[in-house]
Amino acid sequence: MAINLTTKQKQYLKGLAHNLKPVVMLGANGLTEGVVAEIDNALNHHELIKVKVAGAERETKQLIIDAIVRETSAAAVQLIGHILVLYRPSKEPTIRLPK
């Protein structure tokens, strides 16, 4: 189930994500099952996280991001450089998105 965010919701989430530090770092091993599980776990706890996708070329990076979004059913809010912002509401959402 893909999450579709409005521009207003993305702007709101970008503001919330501004002060966050990346909680998951993708290294030389790329996207492994362990990394996907770690991202999934972080999303369950925080809803809004940053993931650092280091060292990948642009095309590869986009494939990795697409795979993360697909595997975790999260929404890619923003990508700045190597930092990806992901959002997925938890069962008891703590972030109230604007309409």
PDB file of N, CA and C in Angstrom:
ATOM      1  N   MET A   1       0.843  -1.191   0.000  1.00  0.00           N
ATOM      2  CA  MET A   1       0.000   0.000   0.000  1.00  0.00           C
ATOM      3  C   MET A   1       0.883   1.248   0.000  1.00  0.00           C
ATOM      4  N   ALA A   2       0.843   1.971  -1.070  1.00  0.00           N
ATOM      5  CA  ALA A   2       1.655   3.186  -1.175  1.00  0.00           C
ATOM      6  C   ALA A   2       0.955   4.340  -0.466  1.00  0.00           C
ATOM      7  N   ILE A   3       1.751   5.200   0.109  1.00  0.00           N
ATOM      8  CA  ILE A   3       1.213   6.377   0.793  1.00  0.00           C
ATOM      9  C   ILE A   3       1.355   7.561  -0.155  1.00  0.00           C
ATOM     10  N   ASN A   4       0.267   8.216  -0.439  1.00  0.00           N
ATOM     11  CA  ASN A   4       0.308   9.411  -1.272  1.00  0.00           C
ATOM     12  C   ASN A   4       0.186  10.639  -0.378  1.00  0.00           C
ATOM     13  N   LEU A   5       1.188  11.479  -0.439  1.00  0.00           N
ATOM     14  CA  LEU A   5       1.200  12.690   0.378  1.00  0.00           C
ATOM     15  C   LEU A   5       0.955  13.906  -0.504  1.00  0.00           C
ATOM     16  N   THR A   6       0.195  14.850   0.011  1.00  0.00           N
ATOM     17  CA  THR A   6      -0.003  16.105  -0.703  1.00  0.00           C
ATOM     18  C   THR A   6       1.249  16.958  -0.536  1.00  0.00           C
ATOM     19  N   THR A   7       1.371  17.975  -1.350  1.00  0.00           N
ATOM     20  CA  THR A   7       2.512  18.883  -1.243  1.00  0.00           C
ATOM     21  C   THR A   7       2.556  19.511   0.143  1.00  0.00           C
ATOM     22  N   LYS A   8       1.398  19.886   0.660  1.00  0.00           N
ATOM     23  CA  LYS A   8       1.312  20.500   1.986  1.00  0.00           C
ATOM     24  C   LYS A   8       1.813  19.528   3.066  1.00  0.00           C
ATOM     25  N   GLN A   9       1.419  18.259   2.950  1.00  0.00           N
ATOM     26  CA  GLN A   9       1.855  17.258   3.923  1.00  0.00           C
ATOM     27  C   GLN A   9       3.360  17.019   3.829  1.00  0.00           C
ATOM     28  N   LYS A  10       3.875  16.995   2.611  1.00  0.00           N
ATOM     29  CA  LYS A  10       5.324  16.814   2.438  1.00  0.00           C
ATOM     30  C   LYS A  10       6.089  17.984   3.061  1.00  0.00           C
ATOM     31  N   GLN A  11       5.596  19.202   2.829  1.00  0.00           N
ATOM     32  CA  GLN A  11       6.252  20.388   3.406  1.00  0.00           C
ATOM     33  C   GLN A  11       6.258  20.299   4.932  1.00  0.00           C
ATOM     34  N   TYR A  12       5.140  19.872   5.492  1.00  0.00           N
ATOM     35  CA  TYR A  12       5.017  19.733   6.940  1.00  0.00           C
ATOM     36  C   TYR A  12       6.025  18.707   7.466  1.00  0.00           C
ATOM     37  N   LEU A  13       6.100  17.559   6.798  1.00  0.00           N
ATOM     38  CA  LEU A  13       7.022  16.495   7.221  1.00  0.00           C
ATOM     39  C   LEU A  13       8.484  16.916   7.055  1.00  0.00           C
ATOM     40  N   LYS A  14       8.782  17.668   6.002  1.00  0.00           N
ATOM     41  CA  LYS A  14      10.143  18.172   5.801  1.00  0.00           C
ATOM     42  C   LYS A  14      10.553  19.048   6.978  1.00  0.00           C
ATOM     43  N   GLY A  15       9.608  19.872   7.431  1.00  0.00           N
ATOM     44  CA  GLY A  15       9.880  20.737   8.585  1.00  0.00           C
ATOM     45  C   GLY A  15      10.162  19.920   9.833  1.00  0.00           C
ATOM     46  N   LEU A  16       9.374  18.865  10.037  1.00  0.00           N
ATOM     47  CA  LEU A  16       9.587  18.009  11.210  1.00  0.00           C
ATOM     48  C   LEU A  16      10.904  17.244  11.115  1.00  0.00           C
ATOM     49  N   ALA A  17      11.283  16.868   9.911  1.00  0.00           N
ATOM     50  CA  ALA A  17      12.484  16.054   9.707  1.00  0.00           C
ATOM     51  C   ALA A  17      13.769  16.868   9.774  1.00  0.00           C
ATOM     52  N   HIS A  18      13.646  18.177   9.678  1.00  0.00           N
ATOM     53  CA  HIS A  18      14.817  19.041   9.560  1.00  0.00           C
ATOM     54  C   HIS A  18      15.891  18.751  10.607  1.00  0.00           C
ATOM     55  N   ASN A  19      15.496  18.598  11.869  1.00  0.00           N
ATOM     56  CA  ASN A  19      16.474  18.418  12.945  1.00  0.00           C
ATOM     57  C   ASN A  19      16.820  16.965  13.239  1.00  0.00           C
ATOM     58  N   LEU A  20      16.232  16.036  12.489  1.00  0.00           N
ATOM     59  CA  LEU A  20      16.509  14.625  12.727  1.00  0.00           C
ATOM     60  C   LEU A  20      17.896  14.249  12.226  1.00  0.00           C
ATOM     61  N   LYS A  21      18.481  13.255  12.866  1.00  0.00           N
ATOM     62  CA  LYS A  21      19.736  12.675  12.397  1.00  0.00           C
ATOM     63  C   LYS A  21      19.384  11.363  11.704  1.00  0.00           C
ATOM     64  N   PRO A  22      20.177  10.952  10.706  1.00  0.00           N
ATOM     65  CA  PRO A  22      19.903   9.660  10.065  1.00  0.00           C
ATOM     66  C   PRO A  22      19.971   8.519  11.085  1.00  0.00           C
ATOM     67  N   VAL A  23      18.974   7.647  11.072  1.00  0.00           N
ATOM     68  CA  VAL A  23      18.955   6.529  12.019  1.00  0.00           C
ATOM     69  C   VAL A  23      19.479   5.244  11.383  1.00  0.00           C
ATOM     70  N   VAL A  24      19.473   5.194  10.058  1.00  0.00           N
ATOM     71  CA  VAL A  24      19.995   4.022   9.352  1.00  0.00           C
ATOM     72  C   VAL A  24      20.958   4.511   8.279  1.00  0.00           C
ATOM     73  N   MET A  25      22.107   3.846   8.179  1.00  0.00           N
ATOM     74  CA  MET A  25      23.092   4.200   7.167  1.00  0.00           C
ATOM     75  C   MET A  25      23.296   3.006   6.236  1.00  0.00           C
ATOM     76  N   LEU A  26      23.161   3.244   4.950  1.00  0.00           N
ATOM     77  CA  LEU A  26      23.471   2.203   3.978  1.00  0.00           C
ATOM     78  C   LEU A  26      24.926   2.340   3.595  1.00  0.00           C
ATOM     79  N   GLY A  27      25.667   1.275   3.780  1.00  0.00           N
ATOM     80  CA  GLY A  27      27.096   1.324   3.476  1.00  0.00           C
ATOM     81  C   GLY A  27      27.419   0.599   2.184  1.00  0.00           C
ATOM     82  N   ALA A  28      28.617   0.030   2.149  1.00  0.00           N
ATOM     83  CA  ALA A  28      29.125  -0.635   0.950  1.00  0.00           C
ATOM     84  C   ALA A  28      28.310  -1.876   0.586  1.00  0.00           C
ATOM     85  N   ASN A  29      27.671  -2.491   1.572  1.00  0.00           N
ATOM     86  CA  ASN A  29      26.889  -3.700   1.296  1.00  0.00           C
ATOM     87  C   ASN A  29      25.565  -3.394   0.628  1.00  0.00           C
ATOM     88  N   GLY A  30      25.205  -2.123   0.545  1.00  0.00           N
ATOM     89  CA  GLY A  30      23.965  -1.746  -0.106  1.00  0.00           C
ATOM     90  C   GLY A  30      22.742  -2.129   0.709  1.00  0.00           C
ATOM     91  N   LEU A  31      21.667  -2.443   0.020  1.00  0.00           N
ATOM     92  CA  LEU A  31      20.394  -2.715   0.683  1.00  0.00           C
ATOM     93  C   LEU A  31      20.271  -4.210   0.966  1.00  0.00           C
ATOM     94  N   THR A  32      20.462  -4.588   2.224  1.00  0.00           N
ATOM     95  CA  THR A  32      20.343  -5.986   2.625  1.00  0.00           C
ATOM     96  C   THR A  32      19.036  -6.179   3.383  1.00  0.00           C
ATOM     97  N   GLU A  33      18.665  -7.435   3.621  1.00  0.00           N
ATOM     98  CA  GLU A  33      17.449  -7.703   4.394  1.00  0.00           C
ATOM     99  C   GLU A  33      17.549  -7.087   5.782  1.00  0.00           C
ATOM    100  N   GLY A  34      18.738  -7.133   6.351  1.00  0.00           N
ATOM    101  CA  GLY A  34      18.959  -6.556   7.681  1.00  0.00           C
ATOM    102  C   GLY A  34      18.715  -5.059   7.698  1.00  0.00           C
ATOM    103  N   VAL A  35      19.167  -4.387   6.651  1.00  0.00           N
ATOM    104  CA  VAL A  35      18.977  -2.937   6.555  1.00  0.00           C
ATOM    105  C   VAL A  35      17.491  -2.613   6.398  1.00  0.00           C
ATOM    106  N   VAL A  36      16.792  -3.385   5.553  1.00  0.00           N
ATOM    107  CA  VAL A  36      15.349  -3.169   5.372  1.00  0.00           C
ATOM    108  C   VAL A  36      14.623  -3.376   6.698  1.00  0.00           C
ATOM    109  N   ALA A  37      15.014  -4.426   7.442  1.00  0.00           N
ATOM    110  CA  ALA A  37      14.395  -4.697   8.747  1.00  0.00           C
ATOM    111  C   ALA A  37      14.659  -3.552   9.717  1.00  0.00           C
ATOM    112  N   GLU A  38      15.853  -3.003   9.681  1.00  0.00           N
ATOM    113  CA  GLU A  38      16.232  -1.887  10.552  1.00  0.00           C
ATOM    114  C   GLU A  38      15.395  -0.647  10.223  1.00  0.00           C
ATOM    115  N   ILE A  39      15.227  -0.359   8.933  1.00  0.00           N
ATOM    116  CA  ILE A  39      14.412   0.778   8.496  1.00  0.00           C
ATOM    117  C   ILE A  39      12.960   0.567   8.921  1.00  0.00           C
ATOM    118  N   ASP A  40      12.457  -0.651   8.714  1.00  0.00           N
ATOM    119  CA  ASP A  40      11.089  -0.994   9.085  1.00  0.00           C
ATOM    120  C   ASP A  40      10.870  -0.779  10.584  1.00  0.00           C
ATOM    121  N   ASN A  41      11.825  -1.243  11.373  1.00  0.00           N
ATOM    122  CA  ASN A  41      11.767  -1.102  12.832  1.00  0.00           C
ATOM    123  C   ASN A  41      11.783   0.370  13.239  1.00  0.00           C
ATOM    124  N   ALA A  42      12.663   1.153  12.609  1.00  0.00           N
ATOM    125  CA  ALA A  42      12.760   2.583  12.918  1.00  0.00           C
ATOM    126  C   ALA A  42      11.456   3.301  12.566  1.00  0.00           C
ATOM    127  N   LEU A  43      10.845   2.922  11.436  1.00  0.00           N
ATOM    128  CA  LEU A  43       9.573   3.532  11.045  1.00  0.00           C
ATOM    129  C   LEU A  43       8.469   3.185  12.042  1.00  0.00           C
ATOM    130  N   ASN A  44       8.472   1.958  12.543  1.00  0.00           N
ATOM    131  CA  ASN A  44       7.478   1.559  13.553  1.00  0.00           C
ATOM    132  C   ASN A  44       7.587   2.424  14.794  1.00  0.00           C
ATOM    133  N   HIS A  45       8.817   2.768  15.159  1.00  0.00           N
ATOM    134  CA  HIS A  45       9.032   3.544  16.383  1.00  0.00           C
ATOM    135  C   HIS A  45       8.869   5.044  16.187  1.00  0.00           C
ATOM    136  N   HIS A  46       9.298   5.552  15.044  1.00  0.00           N
ATOM    137  CA  HIS A  46       9.391   7.009  14.873  1.00  0.00           C
ATOM    138  C   HIS A  46       8.478   7.612  13.815  1.00  0.00           C
ATOM    139  N   GLU A  47       7.962   6.805  12.896  1.00  0.00           N
ATOM    140  CA  GLU A  47       7.117   7.274  11.783  1.00  0.00           C
ATOM    141  C   GLU A  47       7.885   8.087  10.736  1.00  0.00           C
ATOM    142  N   LEU A  48       8.736   8.990  11.195  1.00  0.00           N
ATOM    143  CA  LEU A  48       9.485   9.865  10.290  1.00  0.00           C
ATOM    144  C   LEU A  48      10.970   9.665  10.577  1.00  0.00           C
ATOM    145  N   ILE A  49      11.710   9.190   9.575  1.00  0.00           N
ATOM    146  CA  ILE A  49      13.138   8.922   9.796  1.00  0.00           C
ATOM    147  C   ILE A  49      13.965   9.414   8.618  1.00  0.00           C
ATOM    148  N   LYS A  50      15.265   9.508   8.877  1.00  0.00           N
ATOM    149  CA  LYS A  50      16.218   9.805   7.811  1.00  0.00           C
ATOM    150  C   LYS A  50      17.106   8.581   7.620  1.00  0.00           C
ATOM    151  N   VAL A  51      17.390   8.295   6.351  1.00  0.00           N
ATOM    152  CA  VAL A  51      18.275   7.193   5.995  1.00  0.00           C
ATOM    153  C   VAL A  51      19.388   7.772   5.133  1.00  0.00           C
ATOM    154  N   LYS A  52      20.622   7.418   5.468  1.00  0.00           N
ATOM    155  CA  LYS A  52      21.746   7.896   4.662  1.00  0.00           C
ATOM    156  C   LYS A  52      22.108   6.827   3.642  1.00  0.00           C
ATOM    157  N   VAL A  53      21.985   7.173   2.365  1.00  0.00           N
ATOM    158  CA  VAL A  53      22.319   6.262   1.271  1.00  0.00           C
ATOM    159  C   VAL A  53      23.656   6.740   0.716  1.00  0.00           C
ATOM    160  N   ALA A  54      24.748   6.179   1.222  1.00  0.00           N
ATOM    161  CA  ALA A  54      26.071   6.697   0.880  1.00  0.00           C
ATOM    162  C   ALA A  54      26.677   5.971  -0.314  1.00  0.00           C
ATOM    163  N   GLY A  55      27.478   6.699  -1.046  1.00  0.00           N
ATOM    164  CA  GLY A  55      28.358   6.114  -2.031  1.00  0.00           C
ATOM    165  C   GLY A  55      27.742   5.549  -3.295  1.00  0.00           C
ATOM    166  N   ALA A  56      26.443   5.626  -3.456  1.00  0.00           N
ATOM    167  CA  ALA A  56      25.830   5.045  -4.654  1.00  0.00           C
ATOM    168  C   ALA A  56      25.753   6.082  -5.767  1.00  0.00           C
ATOM    169  N   GLU A  57      25.838   5.627  -7.004  1.00  0.00           N
ATOM    170  CA  GLU A  57      25.636   6.523  -8.138  1.00  0.00           C
ATOM    171  C   GLU A  57      24.160   6.875  -8.210  1.00  0.00           C
ATOM    172  N   ARG A  58      23.858   7.923  -8.955  1.00  0.00           N
ATOM    173  CA  ARG A  58      22.491   8.448  -9.000  1.00  0.00           C
ATOM    174  C   ARG A  58      21.453   7.381  -9.368  1.00  0.00           C
ATOM    175  N   GLU A  59      21.711   6.612 -10.441  1.00  0.00           N
ATOM    176  CA  GLU A  59      20.739   5.600 -10.872  1.00  0.00           C
ATOM    177  C   GLU A  59      20.582   4.521  -9.799  1.00  0.00           C
ATOM    178  N   THR A  60      21.726   4.090  -9.273  1.00  0.00           N
ATOM    179  CA  THR A  60      21.717   3.051  -8.235  1.00  0.00           C
ATOM    180  C   THR A  60      20.974   3.542  -7.004  1.00  0.00           C
ATOM    181  N   LYS A  61      21.244   4.791  -6.644  1.00  0.00           N
ATOM    182  CA  LYS A  61      20.592   5.374  -5.469  1.00  0.00           C
ATOM    183  C   LYS A  61      19.077   5.386  -5.644  1.00  0.00           C
ATOM    184  N   GLN A  62      18.612   5.742  -6.833  1.00  0.00           N
ATOM    185  CA  GLN A  62      17.172   5.770  -7.079  1.00  0.00           C
ATOM    186  C   GLN A  62      16.573   4.370  -6.984  1.00  0.00           C
ATOM    187  N   LEU A  63      17.276   3.379  -7.482  1.00  0.00           N
ATOM    188  CA  LEU A  63      16.806   1.987  -7.380  1.00  0.00           C
ATOM    189  C   LEU A  63      16.727   1.551  -5.918  1.00  0.00           C
ATOM    190  N   ILE A  64      17.732   1.938  -5.137  1.00  0.00           N
ATOM    191  CA  ILE A  64      17.740   1.607  -3.701  1.00  0.00           C
ATOM    192  C   ILE A  64      16.553   2.265  -3.006  1.00  0.00           C
ATOM    193  N   ILE A  65      16.320   3.545  -3.308  1.00  0.00           N
ATOM    194  CA  ILE A  65      15.207   4.279  -2.697  1.00  0.00           C
ATOM    195  C   ILE A  65      13.877   3.636  -3.069  1.00  0.00           C
ATOM    196  N   ASP A  66      13.713   3.297  -4.359  1.00  0.00           N
ATOM    197  CA  ASP A  66      12.476   2.643  -4.806  1.00  0.00           C
ATOM    198  C   ASP A  66      12.263   1.332  -4.059  1.00  0.00           C
ATOM    199  N   ALA A  67      13.350   0.575  -3.868  1.00  0.00           N
ATOM    200  CA  ALA A  67      13.260  -0.710  -3.158  1.00  0.00           C
ATOM    201  C   ALA A  67      12.885  -0.504  -1.691  1.00  0.00           C
ATOM    202  N   ILE A  68      13.479   0.507  -1.049  1.00  0.00           N
ATOM    203  CA  ILE A  68      13.158   0.795   0.362  1.00  0.00           C
ATOM    204  C   ILE A  68      11.679   1.149   0.484  1.00  0.00           C
ATOM    205  N   VAL A  69      11.202   2.040  -0.383  1.00  0.00           N
ATOM    206  CA  VAL A  69       9.801   2.472  -0.348  1.00  0.00           C
ATOM    207  C   VAL A  69       8.877   1.272  -0.559  1.00  0.00           C
ATOM    208  N   ARG A  70       9.233   0.425  -1.528  1.00  0.00           N
ATOM    209  CA  ARG A  70       8.411  -0.757  -1.830  1.00  0.00           C
ATOM    210  C   ARG A  70       8.407  -1.751  -0.659  1.00  0.00           C
ATOM    211  N   GLU A  71       9.581  -2.035  -0.107  1.00  0.00           N
ATOM    212  CA  GLU A  71       9.703  -3.056   0.939  1.00  0.00           C
ATOM    213  C   GLU A  71       9.100  -2.612   2.271  1.00  0.00           C
ATOM    214  N   THR A  72       9.107  -1.312   2.542  1.00  0.00           N
ATOM    215  CA  THR A  72       8.649  -0.833   3.855  1.00  0.00           C
ATOM    216  C   THR A  72       7.259  -0.190   3.789  1.00  0.00           C
ATOM    217  N   SER A  73       6.691  -0.067   2.595  1.00  0.00           N
ATOM    218  CA  SER A  73       5.400   0.614   2.405  1.00  0.00           C
ATOM    219  C   SER A  73       5.419   2.023   2.988  1.00  0.00           C
ATOM    220  N   ALA A  74       6.550   2.681   2.855  1.00  0.00           N
ATOM    221  CA  ALA A  74       6.696   4.048   3.365  1.00  0.00           C
ATOM    222  C   ALA A  74       6.620   5.029   2.198  1.00  0.00           C
ATOM    223  N   ALA A  75       6.539   6.303   2.539  1.00  0.00           N
ATOM    224  CA  ALA A  75       6.554   7.355   1.522  1.00  0.00           C
ATOM    225  C   ALA A  75       7.897   8.063   1.574  1.00  0.00           C
ATOM    226  N   ALA A  76       8.502   8.253   0.408  1.00  0.00           N
ATOM    227  CA  ALA A  76       9.730   9.043   0.340  1.00  0.00           C
ATOM    228  C   ALA A  76       9.305  10.509   0.355  1.00  0.00           C
ATOM    229  N   VAL A  77       9.655  11.210   1.413  1.00  0.00           N
ATOM    230  CA  VAL A  77       9.242  12.605   1.566  1.00  0.00           C
ATOM    231  C   VAL A  77      10.206  13.519   0.825  1.00  0.00           C
ATOM    232  N   GLN A  78      11.501  13.208   0.929  1.00  0.00           N
ATOM    233  CA  GLN A  78      12.505  14.140   0.417  1.00  0.00           C
ATOM    234  C   GLN A  78      13.837  13.412   0.267  1.00  0.00           C
ATOM    235  N   LEU A  79      14.599  13.839  -0.714  1.00  0.00           N
ATOM    236  CA  LEU A  79      15.971  13.355  -0.870  1.00  0.00           C
ATOM    237  C   LEU A  79      16.855  14.564  -1.071  1.00  0.00           C
ATOM    238  N   ILE A  80      17.788  14.755  -0.157  1.00  0.00           N
ATOM    239  CA  ILE A  80      18.759  15.845  -0.295  1.00  0.00           C
ATOM    240  C   ILE A  80      20.138  15.207  -0.214  1.00  0.00           C
ATOM    241  N   GLY A  81      20.868  15.272  -1.305  1.00  0.00           N
ATOM    242  CA  GLY A  81      22.182  14.629  -1.333  1.00  0.00           C
ATOM    243  C   GLY A  81      22.028  13.130  -1.102  1.00  0.00           C
ATOM    244  N   HIS A  82      22.635  12.646  -0.024  1.00  0.00           N
ATOM    245  CA  HIS A  82      22.561  11.220   0.294  1.00  0.00           C
ATOM    246  C   HIS A  82      21.536  10.920   1.379  1.00  0.00           C
ATOM    247  N   ILE A  83      20.799  11.933   1.820  1.00  0.00           N
ATOM    248  CA  ILE A  83      19.863  11.750   2.928  1.00  0.00           C
ATOM    249  C   ILE A  83      18.429  11.625   2.409  1.00  0.00           C
ATOM    250  N   LEU A  84      17.810  10.494   2.742  1.00  0.00           N
ATOM    251  CA  LEU A  84      16.435  10.214   2.347  1.00  0.00           C
ATOM    252  C   LEU A  84      15.544  10.349   3.582  1.00  0.00           C
ATOM    253  N   VAL A  85      14.442  11.073   3.436  1.00  0.00           N
ATOM    254  CA  VAL A  85      13.462  11.197   4.515  1.00  0.00           C
ATOM    255  C   VAL A  85      12.284  10.286   4.175  1.00  0.00           C
ATOM    256  N   LEU A  86      11.954   9.387   5.117  1.00  0.00           N
ATOM    257  CA  LEU A  86      10.850   8.447   4.932  1.00  0.00           C
ATOM    258  C   LEU A  86       9.773   8.677   5.969  1.00  0.00           C
ATOM    259  N   TYR A  87       8.530   8.453   5.569  1.00  0.00           N
ATOM    260  CA  TYR A  87       7.405   8.585   6.491  1.00  0.00           C
ATOM    261  C   TYR A  87       6.472   7.399   6.317  1.00  0.00           C
ATOM    262  N   ARG A  88       6.063   6.833   7.430  1.00  0.00           N
ATOM    263  CA  ARG A  88       5.014   5.817   7.423  1.00  0.00           C
ATOM    264  C   ARG A  88       4.275   5.912   8.751  1.00  0.00           C
ATOM    265  N   PRO A  89       2.956   6.165   8.708  1.00  0.00           N
ATOM    266  CA  PRO A  89       2.221   6.274   9.970  1.00  0.00           C
ATOM    267  C   PRO A  89       2.225   4.935  10.708  1.00  0.00           C
ATOM    268  N   SER A  90       2.346   4.999  12.026  1.00  0.00           N
ATOM    269  CA  SER A  90       2.296   3.770  12.820  1.00  0.00           C
ATOM    270  C   SER A  90       0.835   3.450  13.137  1.00  0.00           C
ATOM    271  N   LYS A  91       0.621   2.339  13.824  1.00  0.00           N
ATOM    272  CA  LYS A  91      -0.754   1.947  14.163  1.00  0.00           C
ATOM    273  C   LYS A  91      -1.426   3.005  15.042  1.00  0.00           C
ATOM    274  N   GLU A  92      -0.636   3.638  15.886  1.00  0.00           N
ATOM    275  CA  GLU A  92      -1.122   4.744  16.719  1.00  0.00           C
ATOM    276  C   GLU A  92      -0.327   5.985  16.313  1.00  0.00           C
ATOM    277  N   PRO A  93      -0.734   6.650  15.229  1.00  0.00           N
ATOM    278  CA  PRO A  93       0.080   7.763  14.710  1.00  0.00           C
ATOM    279  C   PRO A  93       0.304   8.879  15.733  1.00  0.00           C
ATOM    280  N   THR A  94       1.546   9.349  15.801  1.00  0.00           N
ATOM    281  CA  THR A  94       1.862  10.469  16.685  1.00  0.00           C
ATOM    282  C   THR A  94       1.972  11.765  15.881  1.00  0.00           C
ATOM    283  N   ILE A  95       2.200  11.632  14.578  1.00  0.00           N
ATOM    284  CA  ILE A  95       2.296  12.808  13.710  1.00  0.00           C
ATOM    285  C   ILE A  95       0.939  13.064  13.074  1.00  0.00           C
ATOM    286  N   ARG A  96       0.414  14.266  13.288  1.00  0.00           N
ATOM    287  CA  ARG A  96      -0.886  14.622  12.699  1.00  0.00           C
ATOM    288  C   ARG A  96      -0.617  15.428  11.441  1.00  0.00           C
ATOM    289  N   LEU A  97      -0.925  14.833  10.317  1.00  0.00           N
ATOM    290  CA  LEU A  97      -0.695  15.497   9.036  1.00  0.00           C
ATOM    291  C   LEU A  97      -1.805  16.504   8.746  1.00  0.00           C
ATOM    292  N   PRO A  98      -1.431  17.639   8.143  1.00  0.00           N
ATOM    293  CA  PRO A  98      -2.474  18.574   7.707  1.00  0.00           C
ATOM    294  C   PRO A  98      -3.265  17.952   6.565  1.00  0.00           C
ATOM    295  N   LYS A  99      -4.488  18.380   6.385  1.00  0.00           N
ATOM    296  CA  LYS A  99      -5.339  17.839   5.315  1.00  0.00           C
ATOM    297  C   LYS A  99      -4.951  18.396   3.967  1.00  0.00           C
TER     298      LYS A  99
END
